[in-house]
Each structure stands twice: as structure tokens, then as C-alpha cells.
Amino acid sequence: MDVYLVIGVIAGAVVSIVLSCVLLKLGTLIDRYPDNGEQERDISHWSPEKFTRILVFLFWPFFIAGAIMVFQPSRFLLIGGITLIAALLLMLGTAVVFSAAVYRAIAGGKNESSGEPPAGLIQEDP
């Protein structure tokens, strides 16, 4: 059973690394678009790039804690560690999907003046 736990934690870590890199890149891309026609976006802890970095840096200590919990002899800690890792992966996946949607909405917002509806809103007749 320990082999399955090791494989699961390693697979979760690989997926987390990929999602973290994607999330950091999306945060940087979103931060490049100014708000409401401004020339530059204000850079603070609440700007998309900084907040995404804070989120990713807070993610990893919890992931490591969950991985340590999985390998403890207590069944309670095993279940808690698996639950923590699963919840963190779902949170990171949700953040990536939300950031991708925000980036698509911001990047697609420049084409609003053309009068064409976004690609997802066009219904084609068969």
C-alpha cells in the first residue's frame, strides 16, 4: 500500500507543479491588461500577479503537510492527508480554470467594438 501512496503523492506533486506554473503565467498575463482604459495597472498585493504568487507560495506548505500526513501510521492522519491533497488540487484546478476564463474575457474584450459576438455565443444551425 505504501507504493500506491508514494505514486499518488508524486502524481499529485507533478500535477500541482504544472498547474502552479500555468496559474503563475495566467496571473502575469492578466496583470498586463490595464483596468478601464488606464495606462498602467496599480501594482499591489491585490493585483493578479502578486496575489497569484501569494496563493501558490501558500499552496506548497499545505501540500507538503498533507504529504507528510499520508505517511504517518495513524489512519486518521492518512485520511486527513489524502483529503487535504485532494482539496488543494481541486482548489488549484479551479483557480486555473477561473484565471483562464478571466484572461479570455479580458483579451476578448478588445474585440467588443467590432460588433461581433464572442465565439461561444454564436449558435449555428445544423
Protein backbone atom coordinates (compact mmCIF):
# COMPACT_ATOMS: atom_id res chain seq x y z
CA MET A 1 0.00 0.00 0.00
CA ASP A 2 2.93 2.35 0.62
CA VAL A 3 3.88 2.11 -3.06
CA TYR A 4 0.43 3.36 -4.08
CA LEU A 5 0.68 6.24 -1.61
CA VAL A 6 4.11 7.24 -2.93
CA ILE A 7 2.88 7.08 -6.53
CA GLY A 8 -0.21 9.11 -5.62
CA VAL A 9 1.75 11.82 -3.83
CA ILE A 10 4.28 12.03 -6.68
CA ALA A 11 1.48 12.22 -9.27
CA GLY A 12 -0.25 14.91 -7.21
CA ALA A 13 3.02 16.84 -6.97
CA VAL A 14 3.60 16.67 -10.73
CA VAL A 15 0.05 17.86 -11.45
CA SER A 16 0.47 20.61 -8.85
CA ILE A 17 3.73 21.81 -10.40
CA VAL A 18 2.12 22.03 -13.83
CA LEU A 19 -0.98 23.81 -12.50
CA SER A 20 1.15 26.18 -10.42
CA CYS A 21 3.22 27.18 -13.45
CA VAL A 22 0.10 27.71 -15.56
CA LEU A 23 -1.54 29.74 -12.80
CA LEU A 24 1.53 31.95 -12.36
CA LYS A 25 1.69 32.56 -16.11
CA LEU A 26 -2.03 33.41 -16.29
CA GLY A 27 -1.64 35.81 -13.34
CA THR A 28 1.16 37.59 -15.18
CA LEU A 29 -0.86 37.77 -18.41
CA ILE A 30 -3.96 39.10 -16.64
CA ASP A 31 -1.88 41.73 -14.84
CA ARG A 32 -0.66 43.15 -18.16
CA TYR A 33 -4.16 44.37 -19.11
CA PRO A 34 -4.98 47.76 -17.54
CA ASP A 35 -8.40 48.43 -16.00
CA ASN A 36 -10.97 50.73 -17.64
CA GLY A 37 -8.67 52.34 -20.18
CA GLU A 38 -5.93 53.24 -17.70
CA GLN A 39 -2.36 53.31 -18.98
CA GLU A 40 -0.93 51.05 -16.26
CA ARG A 41 -2.39 48.80 -13.59
CA ASP A 42 -1.67 49.57 -9.93
CA ILE A 43 0.74 47.01 -8.55
CA SER A 44 -0.21 45.99 -5.00
CA HIS A 45 -0.68 42.76 -3.08
CA TRP A 46 -4.17 42.51 -4.60
CA SER A 47 -3.03 42.74 -8.21
CA PRO A 48 -3.47 39.45 -10.10
CA GLU A 49 0.23 38.67 -10.43
CA LYS A 50 1.14 39.31 -6.78
CA PHE A 51 -1.98 37.61 -5.40
CA THR A 52 -1.38 34.55 -7.59
CA ARG A 53 2.19 34.29 -6.32
CA ILE A 54 0.97 34.52 -2.73
CA LEU A 55 -1.60 31.79 -3.41
CA VAL A 56 0.96 29.46 -4.99
CA PHE A 57 3.50 30.07 -2.21
CA LEU A 58 0.83 29.28 0.41
CA PHE A 59 -0.23 26.17 -1.52
CA TRP A 60 3.07 24.30 -1.24
CA PRO A 61 3.47 24.20 2.58
CA PHE A 62 -0.04 22.76 2.85
CA PHE A 63 0.72 20.21 0.13
CA ILE A 64 3.91 19.15 1.93
CA ALA A 65 1.99 18.90 5.22
CA GLY A 66 -0.62 16.70 3.51
CA ALA A 67 2.11 14.51 2.01
CA ILE A 68 3.70 14.08 5.45
CA MET A 69 0.30 13.26 6.96
CA VAL A 70 -0.24 10.49 4.41
CA PHE A 71 2.83 8.58 5.60
CA GLN A 72 2.04 8.67 9.32
CA PRO A 73 0.91 5.41 10.98
CA SER A 74 -2.44 6.84 12.11
CA ARG A 75 -5.44 6.09 9.90
CA PHE A 76 -6.92 9.46 10.85
CA LEU A 77 -3.84 11.28 9.53
CA LEU A 78 -3.83 9.13 6.38
CA ILE A 79 -7.40 10.12 5.56
CA GLY A 80 -6.74 13.74 6.53
CA GLY A 81 -3.64 13.90 4.33
CA ILE A 82 -5.41 12.41 1.31
CA THR A 83 -8.33 14.78 1.82
CA LEU A 84 -6.02 17.79 2.16
CA ILE A 85 -4.10 16.94 -1.00
CA ALA A 86 -7.32 16.32 -2.95
CA ALA A 87 -8.82 19.60 -1.74
CA LEU A 88 -5.67 21.52 -2.64
CA LEU A 89 -5.59 20.01 -6.13
CA LEU A 90 -9.26 20.92 -6.65
CA MET A 91 -8.59 24.47 -5.41
CA LEU A 92 -5.62 24.87 -7.74
CA GLY A 93 -7.55 23.44 -10.69
CA THR A 94 -10.46 25.78 -10.01
CA ALA A 95 -8.08 28.75 -9.81
CA VAL A 96 -6.55 27.82 -13.18
CA VAL A 97 -9.96 27.47 -14.85
CA PHE A 98 -11.18 30.76 -13.37
CA SER A 99 -7.98 32.59 -14.36
CA ALA A 100 -8.20 31.23 -17.90
CA ALA A 101 -11.81 32.44 -18.13
CA VAL A 102 -10.85 35.89 -16.84
CA TYR A 103 -7.94 36.11 -19.26
CA ARG A 104 -10.15 35.07 -22.17
CA ALA A 105 -12.77 37.65 -21.18
CA ILE A 106 -10.18 40.42 -20.85
CA ALA A 107 -8.35 39.50 -24.05
CA GLY A 108 -11.63 39.14 -25.94
CA GLY A 109 -12.88 42.47 -24.60
CA LYS A 110 -10.71 44.36 -27.07
CA ASN A 111 -12.84 43.00 -29.93
CA GLU A 112 -16.13 44.26 -28.46
CA SER A 113 -16.07 47.38 -30.63
CA SER A 114 -16.18 45.26 -33.79
CA GLY A 115 -19.82 44.35 -33.10
CA GLU A 116 -19.26 40.61 -33.39
CA PRO A 117 -20.46 38.42 -30.51
CA PRO A 118 -17.91 36.20 -28.76
CA ALA A 119 -17.33 32.82 -30.39
CA GLY A 120 -19.13 30.87 -27.65
CA LEU A 121 -22.37 32.85 -28.05
CA ILE A 122 -22.95 32.13 -31.73
CA GLN A 123 -25.49 29.40 -32.32
CA GLU A 124 -25.08 27.63 -35.62
CA ASP A 125 -27.97 25.93 -37.37
CA PRO A 126 -27.31 22.33 -38.46
